[in-house]
Protein backbone atom coordinates (compact mmCIF):
# COMPACT_ATOMS: atom_id res chain seq x y z
CA MET A 1 -0.31 149.82 -23.16
CA THR A 2 -1.14 148.24 -19.87
CA SER A 3 -0.01 144.69 -20.37
CA LEU A 4 3.08 143.41 -22.06
CA ASN A 5 2.40 141.58 -25.27
CA LYS A 6 6.05 141.87 -26.28
CA LYS A 7 8.76 139.27 -26.67
CA THR A 8 11.21 139.01 -23.79
CA ILE A 9 14.77 137.66 -23.58
CA GLU A 10 13.30 134.24 -22.77
CA ASP A 11 11.44 134.12 -26.12
CA ILE A 12 14.59 134.22 -28.23
CA ASP A 13 17.72 132.05 -28.59
CA VAL A 14 20.72 134.12 -27.52
CA LYS A 15 23.45 131.45 -27.43
CA GLY A 16 26.54 132.55 -29.35
CA LYS A 17 24.81 135.77 -30.42
CA SER A 18 26.03 139.35 -29.94
CA VAL A 19 23.31 141.09 -27.95
CA LEU A 20 23.06 144.88 -27.63
CA VAL A 21 21.36 145.74 -24.33
CA ARG A 22 20.08 149.25 -23.61
CA CYS A 23 20.27 149.75 -19.84
CA ASP A 24 19.61 152.77 -17.67
CA PHE A 25 22.97 153.49 -16.07
CA ASN A 26 22.21 157.18 -15.59
CA VAL A 27 23.42 157.01 -11.99
CA PRO A 28 24.14 159.92 -9.65
CA MET A 29 27.85 160.76 -9.37
CA LYS A 30 29.70 162.61 -6.63
CA ASP A 31 33.39 163.55 -6.97
CA GLY A 32 33.84 161.01 -9.77
CA ALA A 33 32.31 158.13 -7.77
CA ILE A 34 28.85 156.55 -8.05
CA SER A 35 26.74 157.72 -5.09
CA ASN A 36 23.82 155.31 -5.69
CA ASP A 37 24.10 152.10 -7.75
CA LYS A 38 20.41 151.07 -7.58
CA ARG A 39 19.99 151.32 -11.35
CA ILE A 40 23.05 149.17 -11.99
CA VAL A 41 21.82 146.51 -9.56
CA ALA A 42 18.38 146.60 -11.24
CA ALA A 43 19.98 145.61 -14.58
CA LEU A 44 21.79 142.54 -13.21
CA PRO A 45 19.04 139.89 -13.70
CA THR A 46 18.87 140.58 -17.45
CA ILE A 47 22.67 140.68 -17.87
CA GLN A 48 23.11 137.47 -15.85
CA TYR A 49 20.41 135.66 -17.85
CA LEU A 50 22.19 136.59 -21.08
CA THR A 51 25.71 135.65 -19.93
CA GLY A 52 24.35 132.43 -18.40
CA HIS A 53 22.81 131.51 -21.75
CA GLY A 54 26.00 132.08 -23.74
CA ALA A 55 25.33 135.52 -25.20
CA LYS A 56 28.08 138.01 -26.05
CA VAL A 57 26.76 141.02 -24.16
CA ILE A 58 27.23 144.61 -25.38
CA LEU A 59 25.75 147.08 -22.89
CA CYS A 60 24.89 150.68 -23.70
CA SER A 61 23.38 153.61 -21.80
CA HIS A 62 23.36 157.37 -21.50
CA MET A 63 24.54 159.38 -18.52
CA GLY A 64 23.57 163.00 -17.97
CA ARG A 65 23.34 165.40 -20.88
CA PRO A 66 26.73 165.78 -22.59
CA LYS A 67 24.89 167.11 -25.69
CA GLY A 68 27.06 165.40 -28.28
CA GLU A 69 30.43 166.17 -26.71
CA PHE A 70 32.95 163.66 -25.32
CA LEU A 71 33.02 165.15 -21.80
CA PRO A 72 34.99 162.97 -19.33
CA GLU A 73 32.64 163.71 -16.40
CA PHE A 74 29.88 161.86 -18.29
CA SER A 75 31.97 158.77 -19.01
CA LEU A 76 30.48 155.38 -18.15
CA ALA A 77 33.88 154.02 -17.02
CA PRO A 78 32.89 154.09 -13.29
CA VAL A 79 29.79 152.04 -14.24
CA ALA A 80 31.94 149.39 -15.94
CA GLN A 81 34.05 149.18 -12.77
CA ARG A 82 31.01 148.76 -10.51
CA LEU A 83 29.46 146.22 -12.89
CA SER A 84 32.67 144.15 -12.84
CA GLN A 85 32.43 143.96 -9.04
CA LEU A 86 28.72 143.08 -9.03
CA LEU A 87 28.97 140.49 -11.84
CA GLU A 88 32.26 139.15 -10.47
CA GLN A 89 33.70 139.16 -13.97
CA PRO A 90 35.53 141.76 -16.07
CA VAL A 91 33.40 144.25 -18.01
CA LYS A 92 35.41 145.56 -20.96
CA MET A 93 35.05 149.34 -21.38
CA ALA A 94 35.02 150.76 -24.91
CA LYS A 95 36.65 154.12 -25.54
CA ASP A 96 33.89 155.11 -27.97
CA VAL A 97 30.32 154.22 -29.01
CA ILE A 98 30.41 153.21 -32.68
CA GLY A 99 34.11 153.88 -33.29
CA PRO A 100 36.98 151.49 -33.98
CA ASP A 101 37.51 150.56 -30.31
CA ALA A 102 33.86 149.60 -29.75
CA LYS A 103 33.79 147.62 -33.00
CA ALA A 104 37.02 145.74 -32.22
CA LEU A 105 35.89 144.86 -28.67
CA ALA A 106 32.46 143.73 -29.88
CA ALA A 107 34.01 141.53 -32.56
CA SER A 108 36.40 139.91 -30.05
CA LEU A 109 33.78 139.04 -27.39
CA GLU A 110 33.46 135.38 -26.40
CA GLU A 111 30.25 133.73 -25.15
CA GLY A 112 29.37 134.91 -21.64
CA GLU A 113 31.61 138.00 -21.85
CA VAL A 114 30.40 141.55 -21.24
CA MET A 115 31.42 144.95 -22.58
CA LEU A 116 30.09 148.48 -22.14
CA LEU A 117 29.97 151.15 -24.83
CA GLU A 118 30.72 154.76 -23.96
CA ASN A 119 27.86 157.18 -23.26
CA VAL A 120 25.48 157.06 -26.27
CA ARG A 121 24.71 160.76 -25.79
CA TYR A 122 28.32 161.57 -26.72
CA HIS A 123 26.73 161.58 -30.20
CA LYS A 124 24.14 164.28 -30.75
CA GLU A 125 22.42 161.95 -33.27
CA GLU A 126 21.28 159.72 -30.35
CA THR A 127 18.55 162.06 -29.08
CA LYS A 128 17.47 162.94 -32.63
CA ASN A 129 16.83 159.26 -33.39
CA ASP A 130 19.05 159.57 -36.46
CA PRO A 131 18.65 156.42 -38.64
CA ALA A 132 22.31 156.35 -39.72
CA PHE A 133 23.49 156.33 -36.09
CA SER A 134 20.89 153.68 -35.18
CA LYS A 135 22.13 151.50 -38.05
CA GLU A 136 25.79 151.86 -36.92
CA LEU A 137 24.83 150.96 -33.35
CA ALA A 138 22.77 147.99 -34.53
CA SER A 139 25.67 146.74 -36.70
CA LEU A 140 27.55 145.77 -33.51
CA ALA A 141 25.02 143.05 -32.65
CA GLU A 142 22.51 140.45 -33.83
CA ILE A 143 19.79 140.97 -31.21
CA TYR A 144 18.56 144.08 -29.37
CA VAL A 145 17.28 144.06 -25.79
CA ASN A 146 15.70 147.11 -24.17
CA ASP A 147 15.83 147.04 -20.39
CA ALA A 148 15.82 150.79 -19.75
CA PHE A 149 12.36 151.62 -18.47
CA GLY A 150 13.62 155.03 -17.32
CA THR A 151 14.10 156.12 -20.95
CA ALA A 152 11.29 154.09 -22.55
CA HIS A 153 9.28 157.29 -23.06
CA ARG A 154 12.02 158.70 -25.31
CA ALA A 155 12.25 157.87 -29.01
CA HIS A 156 16.05 157.87 -29.31
CA CYS A 157 18.45 155.73 -31.37
CA SER A 158 19.37 153.37 -28.53
CA THR A 159 15.78 153.09 -27.23
CA THR A 160 13.78 152.74 -30.47
CA GLY A 161 15.92 153.37 -33.57
CA VAL A 162 18.02 150.19 -33.39
CA ALA A 163 14.83 148.09 -33.26
CA ASP A 164 14.36 148.86 -36.99
CA TYR A 165 17.49 146.81 -37.77
CA LEU A 166 17.50 143.96 -35.23
CA PRO A 167 15.11 141.49 -33.60
CA ALA A 168 14.00 143.48 -30.51
CA VAL A 169 12.89 142.09 -27.14
CA CYS A 170 12.65 143.39 -23.58
CA GLY A 171 14.60 142.49 -20.47
CA TYR A 172 13.32 141.60 -16.99
CA LEU A 173 13.21 145.16 -15.72
CA ILE A 174 10.82 146.45 -18.37
CA GLN A 175 8.79 143.25 -18.09
CA LYS A 176 8.39 143.79 -14.33
CA GLU A 177 7.57 147.50 -14.62
CA ILE A 178 4.82 146.92 -17.16
CA SER A 179 3.31 143.86 -15.50
CA VAL A 180 3.22 145.38 -12.00
CA MET A 181 2.00 148.85 -13.00
CA GLY A 182 -0.27 147.50 -15.74
CA GLY A 183 -1.78 145.02 -13.30
CA ALA A 184 -2.41 147.75 -10.75
CA LEU A 185 -4.26 149.85 -13.33
CA ASN A 186 -6.16 147.06 -15.10
CA SER A 187 -7.04 144.48 -12.50
CA PRO A 188 -6.17 145.98 -9.12
CA GLN A 189 -7.01 144.62 -5.71
CA ARG A 190 -9.62 147.18 -4.70
CA PRO A 191 -10.06 149.75 -3.32
CA LEU A 192 -7.51 151.33 -5.64
CA VAL A 193 -6.12 154.50 -4.07
CA ALA A 194 -3.87 156.86 -6.02
CA ILE A 195 -1.90 159.54 -4.18
CA LEU A 196 -0.60 162.40 -6.27
CA GLY A 197 1.68 165.11 -4.96
CA GLY A 198 4.37 167.36 -6.32
CA SER A 199 4.19 170.99 -7.19
CA LYS A 200 2.26 171.38 -10.41
CA VAL A 201 -1.15 170.30 -11.68
CA SER A 202 0.10 170.98 -15.21
CA ASP A 203 2.65 168.13 -14.92
CA LYS A 204 -0.05 165.64 -13.95
CA ILE A 205 -3.17 166.61 -15.94
CA GLY A 206 -3.05 163.49 -18.12
CA VAL A 207 -2.30 161.28 -15.13
CA ILE A 208 -5.25 162.68 -13.12
CA ASN A 209 -7.59 162.27 -16.09
CA ASN A 210 -6.55 158.66 -16.68
CA LEU A 211 -6.64 157.74 -12.98
CA LEU A 212 -10.12 159.21 -12.50
CA GLU A 213 -11.31 156.49 -14.90
CA LYS A 214 -9.79 153.74 -12.75
CA VAL A 215 -9.41 154.61 -9.06
CA ASP A 216 -11.80 154.47 -6.11
CA THR A 217 -10.03 157.26 -4.21
CA LEU A 218 -7.70 159.99 -5.46
CA VAL A 219 -5.64 161.81 -2.83
CA VAL A 220 -4.14 165.14 -3.93
CA GLY A 221 -1.41 166.73 -1.81
CA GLY A 222 1.74 168.76 -2.39
CA GLY A 223 1.80 172.10 -4.17
CA MET A 224 -0.83 171.02 -6.70
CA ALA A 225 -3.49 170.81 -3.96
CA TYR A 226 -3.61 174.63 -3.63
CA THR A 227 -4.77 175.05 -7.22
CA PHE A 228 -7.70 172.70 -6.46
CA LEU A 229 -8.52 174.48 -3.19
CA LYS A 230 -8.50 177.89 -4.89
CA ALA A 231 -10.74 176.49 -7.64
CA MET A 232 -13.21 175.54 -4.87
CA GLY A 233 -13.24 179.13 -3.63
CA HIS A 234 -10.76 178.88 -0.76
CA THR A 235 -7.93 181.33 -0.06
CA VAL A 236 -4.40 179.96 -0.50
CA GLY A 237 -2.29 182.93 0.72
CA ALA A 238 1.17 182.93 -0.85
CA SER A 239 1.04 179.20 -1.69
CA LEU A 240 2.09 177.81 -5.03
CA CYS A 241 -0.95 178.06 -7.31
CA GLU A 242 -1.46 177.82 -11.07
CA ASP A 243 -4.15 180.41 -11.73
CA ASP A 244 -4.32 179.42 -15.40
CA LYS A 245 -5.34 175.88 -14.36
CA LEU A 246 -8.27 176.78 -12.06
CA GLU A 247 -10.93 175.95 -14.68
CA LEU A 248 -9.21 172.65 -15.36
CA ALA A 249 -9.17 171.85 -11.65
CA LYS A 250 -12.93 172.56 -11.51
CA GLU A 251 -13.48 170.17 -14.44
CA MET A 252 -11.49 167.46 -12.67
CA LEU A 253 -13.44 167.95 -9.43
CA ALA A 254 -16.67 167.60 -11.43
CA LYS A 255 -15.36 164.51 -13.23
CA ALA A 256 -14.46 162.87 -9.90
CA LYS A 257 -17.96 163.55 -8.59
CA GLU A 258 -19.57 162.24 -11.76
CA ARG A 259 -17.53 159.02 -11.64
CA GLY A 260 -18.08 158.47 -7.92
CA VAL A 261 -14.38 158.86 -7.13
CA ASP A 262 -13.59 160.07 -3.63
CA LEU A 263 -11.23 163.00 -4.30
CA LEU A 264 -9.46 163.96 -1.07
CA LEU A 265 -7.72 167.31 -0.60
CA PRO A 266 -5.92 168.69 2.48
CA VAL A 267 -8.27 169.89 5.25
CA ASP A 268 -5.50 171.74 7.13
CA HIS A 269 -1.99 172.94 6.38
CA LYS A 270 1.50 173.35 7.69
CA ALA A 271 2.61 176.73 6.37
CA GLY A 272 5.71 178.91 6.32
CA ASP A 273 6.06 182.69 6.10
CA ARG A 274 8.58 182.26 3.26
CA PHE A 275 10.12 179.47 1.18
CA ALA A 276 13.12 178.65 3.35
CA GLU A 277 14.26 175.89 5.65
CA ASP A 278 14.43 178.27 8.64
CA CYS A 279 11.10 180.03 8.03
CA GLN A 280 8.48 180.53 10.72
CA VAL A 281 6.10 177.56 10.85
CA SER A 282 2.37 177.67 11.53
CA VAL A 283 -0.23 174.89 11.54
CA ILE A 284 -3.38 176.30 9.95
CA ASP A 285 -6.65 174.62 10.88
CA GLY A 286 -9.29 174.56 8.15
CA LEU A 287 -9.04 174.94 4.40
CA ASP A 288 -8.20 178.65 4.05
CA ILE A 289 -4.62 179.92 4.20
CA PRO A 290 -4.27 183.57 5.27
CA ASP A 291 -2.24 186.16 3.33
CA GLY A 292 1.48 186.10 3.94
CA TRP A 293 1.61 182.34 4.52
CA MET A 294 2.37 179.55 2.06
CA GLY A 295 1.28 175.95 2.45
CA MET A 296 4.38 173.74 2.47
CA ASP A 297 3.01 170.47 3.86
CA ILE A 298 -0.29 168.85 4.77
CA GLY A 299 -1.45 169.38 8.37
CA PRO A 300 -2.15 166.72 11.04
CA ALA A 301 -5.89 166.37 10.21
CA SER A 302 -5.02 165.86 6.53
CA VAL A 303 -2.44 163.24 7.50
CA ALA A 304 -5.13 161.37 9.48
CA LEU A 305 -7.65 161.65 6.61
CA PHE A 306 -5.20 160.49 3.92
CA CYS A 307 -3.78 157.67 6.08
CA THR A 308 -7.30 156.34 6.74
CA ALA A 309 -7.85 156.05 2.97
CA VAL A 310 -4.52 154.22 2.61
CA LYS A 311 -5.30 151.78 5.44
CA LYS A 312 -8.45 150.63 3.61
CA ALA A 313 -6.68 150.26 0.26
CA GLY A 314 -6.07 147.02 -1.64
CA THR A 315 -3.69 148.79 -4.05
CA VAL A 316 -1.88 152.10 -3.65
CA ILE A 317 -0.12 154.05 -6.42
CA TRP A 318 1.92 156.99 -5.14
CA ASN A 319 3.55 159.68 -7.24
CA GLY A 320 4.86 162.89 -5.71
CA PRO A 321 5.52 164.12 -2.15
CA MET A 322 2.92 165.76 0.14
CA GLY A 323 5.07 168.79 0.89
CA VAL A 324 8.56 170.27 0.73
CA PHE A 325 10.03 167.11 2.25
CA GLU A 326 13.60 168.33 1.74
CA PHE A 327 12.99 170.80 4.62
CA PRO A 328 12.74 168.82 7.92
CA ASN A 329 9.90 171.05 9.19
CA PHE A 330 7.76 170.09 6.21
CA ALA A 331 8.65 166.42 5.77
CA GLU A 332 6.05 165.00 8.14
CA GLY A 333 3.18 164.65 5.65
CA THR A 334 5.35 162.68 3.22
CA LEU A 335 6.87 160.62 6.04
CA GLU A 336 3.46 159.69 7.47
CA MET A 337 2.16 158.71 4.01
CA ALA A 338 5.21 156.51 3.41
CA LYS A 339 4.72 154.91 6.82
CA ALA A 340 0.97 154.34 6.24
CA ILE A 341 1.62 152.78 2.81
CA ALA A 342 4.39 150.57 4.23
CA GLU A 343 2.08 149.33 7.02
CA SER A 344 -1.09 149.04 4.91
CA GLY A 345 -0.54 145.53 3.59
CA ALA A 346 -1.76 146.85 0.21
CA VAL A 347 -0.01 146.27 -3.11
CA SER A 348 2.11 149.44 -3.13
CA ILE A 349 3.63 151.03 -6.22
CA ILE A 350 5.88 154.04 -5.93
CA GLY A 351 5.95 155.72 -9.31
CA GLY A 352 9.19 157.45 -9.98
CA GLY A 353 10.81 160.75 -9.15
CA ASP A 354 10.59 162.50 -5.80
CA SER A 355 8.39 159.92 -4.11
CA VAL A 356 11.11 157.33 -4.72
CA SER A 357 13.72 159.64 -3.12
CA ALA A 358 11.35 160.29 -0.22
CA VAL A 359 10.64 156.60 0.41
CA THR A 360 14.34 155.73 0.12
CA LYS A 361 15.51 158.68 2.25
CA LEU A 362 12.95 157.84 4.95
CA GLY A 363 13.96 154.17 4.98
CA PHE A 364 10.75 152.53 3.69
CA ALA A 365 11.99 151.27 0.32
CA ASP A 366 12.06 147.58 1.31
CA LYS A 367 8.44 147.75 2.55
CA MET A 368 7.01 148.65 -0.88
CA THR A 369 5.82 146.09 -3.45
CA HIS A 370 7.37 147.93 -6.37
CA ILE A 371 9.46 151.05 -6.77
CA SER A 372 9.51 152.21 -10.37
CA THR A 373 12.88 152.97 -11.94
CA GLY A 374 11.43 155.57 -14.31
CA GLY A 375 10.30 159.10 -13.45
CA GLY A 376 8.91 160.51 -16.69
CA ALA A 377 8.28 157.01 -18.06
CA SER A 378 6.16 156.06 -15.02
CA LEU A 379 4.10 159.22 -15.37
CA GLU A 380 3.46 158.63 -19.07
CA PHE A 381 2.55 155.02 -18.33
CA LEU A 382 0.10 156.09 -15.59
CA GLU A 383 -1.30 158.53 -18.13
CA GLY A 384 -2.11 155.59 -20.41
CA LEU A 385 0.29 156.72 -23.14
CA GLU A 386 2.20 154.36 -25.40
CA LEU A 387 5.90 154.36 -24.56
CA PRO A 388 8.00 154.43 -27.77
CA GLY A 389 10.80 152.25 -26.33
CA ILE A 390 8.30 149.47 -25.64
CA ALA A 391 6.14 149.94 -28.74
CA ALA A 392 9.29 149.37 -30.87
CA LEU A 393 9.79 145.82 -29.52
CA ASN A 394 8.63 142.66 -31.34
CA ASP A 395 5.14 141.41 -30.49
CA LYS A 396 4.72 137.90 -29.12
């Protein structure tokens, strides 16, 4: 699934129709207020297209993991409030999901009006993809739109189940995610450089395997680099290392060599004597880390090596930080990568999770071509897997 051969909201007549839209409004909350509304803003183009074309818009989403209980801290009411401000029109908030209030509000909607259902995960059936719940949800509308890329890798009622009962198309957000990331994997401006970080090789095995088929250079940093270095016979001290993945790392190193992929690993390290913000810091030249020290960031020579690869790139895909960027002493590797990508002039795709937080926190978000809205979904897409929430939509 690397290109989108699915119908979009523009391929279907929505005028006068009730349209159920699955969004990703799983926003971070602090003291009952939304602390970052990026996901809400990302949904606006689809909502505005639908209201502008006379649809009766019924929005739905999950928030957090209430596990089938009506817990007030997981209510979507603050989202409805924020949406009203952004859309400059009232967004009616239902008190339930498929109950009498939701049904009455949905039935009373006029063309161009918008309502929001309560958290779909207030029903435990949602995550089980229960057909009866999907059917109830679908009964509120005449058309289904999925615009939640962040949950497209989940086969739940509101992401796939309802598509069994309604014509199903995608919104602009999913369309953009698939076309940008699919384009980068299928017909990239070369050289294609992928940068993978984060702590575990085990989380990214499928991604590494798929990328080795496509990239010119693969940069591996973060905690997962130590497993590769140990597999090559180097000492890693007290660094994070998955000993049960050493053989796998060897296979991947061999595969890179066989395919002519330049696989770059750290050539020096910034290490700490313990995993703490106030630990002692040492820059270790060379590949080997002595006992009693743990690698927590890439060193200055590695930064230079990795940044050189980025500067030559036509396309860069980045997933996962280079070190423990939450600790100021070990944020430099991630910061320098973000800076190099921002200045490279390459098509730059930041694929979900911690690298998005890093780029945003460090102030480079507006310099990137595309920042994916999905963590797990981006990874599965980069792995070449079919995403259930997209597979369920109608083909063109």
